[in-house]
Amino acid sequence: MIKLKITCREATRILLNGEDRTLPLAERLSLRLHQRACGNCRRFARQVALMRQASARWRHYSED
């Protein structure tokens, strides 16, 4: 069942869980719907993506 209205706390949990595993369709949709309405959660998602990219670059840099 898709929970259409989630809180920012739930959106954060779902987003961070998505770093470790593939999210089910219902969670992906709930997160997308929430992020369309919530600028703070969109910003947080961009920050998480930036940290992921920076970590990947650092790992690549440290291996050389």
N, C-alpha and C. Protein backbone atom coordinates (compact mmCIF):
# COMPACT_ATOMS: atom_id res chain seq x y z
N MET A 1 0.83 -1.18 0.00
CA MET A 1 0.00 0.00 0.00
C MET A 1 0.88 1.24 0.00
N ILE A 2 0.56 2.20 -0.84
CA ILE A 2 1.34 3.42 -0.94
C ILE A 2 0.79 4.44 0.05
N LYS A 3 1.67 4.89 0.91
CA LYS A 3 1.30 5.95 1.84
C LYS A 3 1.61 7.27 1.14
N LEU A 4 0.57 7.99 0.74
CA LEU A 4 0.77 9.19 -0.07
C LEU A 4 1.40 10.34 0.69
N LYS A 5 1.03 10.49 1.93
CA LYS A 5 1.52 11.62 2.70
C LYS A 5 2.47 11.12 3.77
N ILE A 6 3.77 11.38 3.58
CA ILE A 6 4.76 10.98 4.57
C ILE A 6 5.37 12.23 5.18
N THR A 7 5.96 12.07 6.34
CA THR A 7 6.62 13.19 7.02
C THR A 7 8.05 13.33 6.51
N CYS A 8 8.66 14.44 6.86
CA CYS A 8 10.06 14.65 6.49
C CYS A 8 10.95 13.59 7.15
N ARG A 9 10.62 13.22 8.35
CA ARG A 9 11.39 12.19 9.05
C ARG A 9 11.31 10.86 8.28
N GLU A 10 10.11 10.51 7.84
CA GLU A 10 9.95 9.27 7.06
C GLU A 10 10.67 9.37 5.71
N ALA A 11 10.61 10.54 5.08
CA ALA A 11 11.29 10.75 3.80
C ALA A 11 12.80 10.59 3.97
N THR A 12 13.33 11.13 5.05
CA THR A 12 14.77 11.00 5.34
C THR A 12 15.14 9.54 5.53
N ARG A 13 14.33 8.81 6.30
CA ARG A 13 14.61 7.40 6.54
C ARG A 13 14.60 6.61 5.23
N ILE A 14 13.60 6.86 4.40
CA ILE A 14 13.49 6.15 3.12
C ILE A 14 14.69 6.48 2.24
N LEU A 15 15.03 7.77 2.16
CA LEU A 15 16.16 8.19 1.33
C LEU A 15 17.45 7.51 1.77
N LEU A 16 17.71 7.49 3.06
CA LEU A 16 18.94 6.88 3.56
C LEU A 16 18.91 5.36 3.42
N ASN A 17 17.75 4.75 3.56
CA ASN A 17 17.64 3.31 3.31
C ASN A 17 17.95 2.98 1.86
N GLY A 18 17.61 3.90 0.97
CA GLY A 18 17.88 3.71 -0.44
C GLY A 18 19.36 3.69 -0.77
N GLU A 19 20.20 4.17 0.15
CA GLU A 19 21.64 4.10 -0.04
C GLU A 19 22.14 2.66 0.12
N ASP A 20 21.42 1.86 0.89
CA ASP A 20 21.87 0.51 1.22
C ASP A 20 21.16 -0.58 0.45
N ARG A 21 20.00 -0.28 -0.08
CA ARG A 21 19.21 -1.31 -0.76
C ARG A 21 18.32 -0.67 -1.80
N THR A 22 17.80 -1.49 -2.68
CA THR A 22 16.83 -1.02 -3.66
C THR A 22 15.49 -0.84 -2.97
N LEU A 23 14.91 0.32 -3.15
CA LEU A 23 13.63 0.61 -2.50
C LEU A 23 12.47 0.01 -3.27
N PRO A 24 11.47 -0.48 -2.55
CA PRO A 24 10.26 -0.95 -3.23
C PRO A 24 9.56 0.22 -3.92
N LEU A 25 8.78 -0.09 -4.91
CA LEU A 25 8.08 0.93 -5.69
C LEU A 25 7.26 1.86 -4.81
N ALA A 26 6.55 1.34 -3.85
CA ALA A 26 5.70 2.17 -2.98
C ALA A 26 6.53 3.22 -2.24
N GLU A 27 7.70 2.84 -1.74
CA GLU A 27 8.56 3.79 -1.02
C GLU A 27 9.13 4.83 -1.98
N ARG A 28 9.54 4.40 -3.16
CA ARG A 28 10.08 5.34 -4.15
C ARG A 28 9.03 6.39 -4.52
N LEU A 29 7.80 5.93 -4.74
CA LEU A 29 6.73 6.87 -5.11
C LEU A 29 6.40 7.82 -3.96
N SER A 30 6.31 7.29 -2.76
CA SER A 30 6.02 8.14 -1.59
C SER A 30 7.10 9.20 -1.43
N LEU A 31 8.35 8.80 -1.60
CA LEU A 31 9.47 9.73 -1.47
C LEU A 31 9.41 10.80 -2.56
N ARG A 32 9.16 10.39 -3.78
CA ARG A 32 9.07 11.36 -4.89
C ARG A 32 7.94 12.37 -4.66
N LEU A 33 6.79 11.87 -4.25
CA LEU A 33 5.66 12.77 -4.00
C LEU A 33 6.00 13.77 -2.90
N HIS A 34 6.63 13.28 -1.85
CA HIS A 34 6.99 14.16 -0.74
C HIS A 34 8.00 15.21 -1.20
N GLN A 35 9.00 14.77 -1.94
CA GLN A 35 10.05 15.70 -2.36
C GLN A 35 9.52 16.76 -3.33
N ARG A 36 8.50 16.43 -4.08
CA ARG A 36 7.92 17.44 -4.99
C ARG A 36 7.30 18.59 -4.21
N ALA A 37 6.84 18.29 -3.00
CA ALA A 37 6.19 19.32 -2.18
C ALA A 37 7.13 19.94 -1.15
N CYS A 38 8.24 19.30 -0.86
CA CYS A 38 9.09 19.73 0.25
C CYS A 38 10.49 20.11 -0.25
N GLY A 39 10.76 21.37 -0.29
CA GLY A 39 12.06 21.86 -0.73
C GLY A 39 13.20 21.44 0.18
N ASN A 40 12.94 21.36 1.47
CA ASN A 40 13.99 20.95 2.40
C ASN A 40 14.43 19.52 2.15
N CYS A 41 13.49 18.64 1.87
CA CYS A 41 13.84 17.25 1.60
C CYS A 41 14.53 17.10 0.24
N ARG A 42 14.16 17.93 -0.73
CA ARG A 42 14.88 17.92 -2.01
C ARG A 42 16.33 18.34 -1.79
N ARG A 43 16.53 19.37 -0.98
CA ARG A 43 17.86 19.85 -0.68
C ARG A 43 18.67 18.77 0.04
N PHE A 44 18.05 18.09 0.99
CA PHE A 44 18.73 17.02 1.71
C PHE A 44 19.14 15.90 0.76
N ALA A 45 18.27 15.55 -0.18
CA ALA A 45 18.58 14.51 -1.16
C ALA A 45 19.79 14.92 -2.01
N ARG A 46 19.85 16.18 -2.40
CA ARG A 46 21.01 16.67 -3.17
C ARG A 46 22.28 16.60 -2.33
N GLN A 47 22.19 16.92 -1.05
CA GLN A 47 23.35 16.86 -0.17
C GLN A 47 23.84 15.43 -0.01
N VAL A 48 22.92 14.48 0.13
CA VAL A 48 23.30 13.07 0.25
C VAL A 48 23.99 12.61 -1.03
N ALA A 49 23.45 13.01 -2.17
CA ALA A 49 24.06 12.64 -3.45
C ALA A 49 25.46 13.24 -3.57
N LEU A 50 25.63 14.48 -3.15
CA LEU A 50 26.94 15.12 -3.19
C LEU A 50 27.94 14.39 -2.29
N MET A 51 27.51 13.99 -1.10
CA MET A 51 28.39 13.24 -0.20
C MET A 51 28.77 11.89 -0.80
N ARG A 52 27.80 11.23 -1.46
CA ARG A 52 28.07 9.95 -2.10
C ARG A 52 29.12 10.12 -3.20
N GLN A 53 28.98 11.16 -4.02
CA GLN A 53 29.93 11.42 -5.09
C GLN A 53 31.31 11.77 -4.54
N ALA A 54 31.35 12.58 -3.49
CA ALA A 54 32.63 12.96 -2.89
C ALA A 54 33.33 11.74 -2.31
N SER A 55 32.58 10.86 -1.67
CA SER A 55 33.16 9.64 -1.11
C SER A 55 33.72 8.74 -2.20
N ALA A 56 32.99 8.62 -3.30
CA ALA A 56 33.45 7.79 -4.41
C ALA A 56 34.73 8.37 -5.01
N ARG A 57 34.78 9.68 -5.16
CA ARG A 57 35.99 10.32 -5.69
C ARG A 57 37.16 10.13 -4.75
N TRP A 58 36.92 10.26 -3.45
CA TRP A 58 37.98 10.10 -2.46
C TRP A 58 38.52 8.67 -2.50
N ARG A 59 37.62 7.69 -2.58
CA ARG A 59 38.08 6.29 -2.66
C ARG A 59 38.93 6.09 -3.91
N HIS A 60 38.47 6.64 -5.03
CA HIS A 60 39.21 6.50 -6.29
C HIS A 60 40.57 7.20 -6.17
N TYR A 61 40.59 8.39 -5.57
CA TYR A 61 41.82 9.15 -5.40
C TYR A 61 42.80 8.43 -4.49
N SER A 62 42.30 7.86 -3.39
CA SER A 62 43.19 7.19 -2.43
C SER A 62 43.72 5.86 -2.95
N GLU A 63 43.05 5.26 -3.94
CA GLU A 63 43.53 4.02 -4.52
C GLU A 63 44.70 4.25 -5.47
N ASP A 64 44.80 5.45 -6.01
CA ASP A 64 45.88 5.76 -6.96
C ASP A 64 47.16 6.05 -6.28
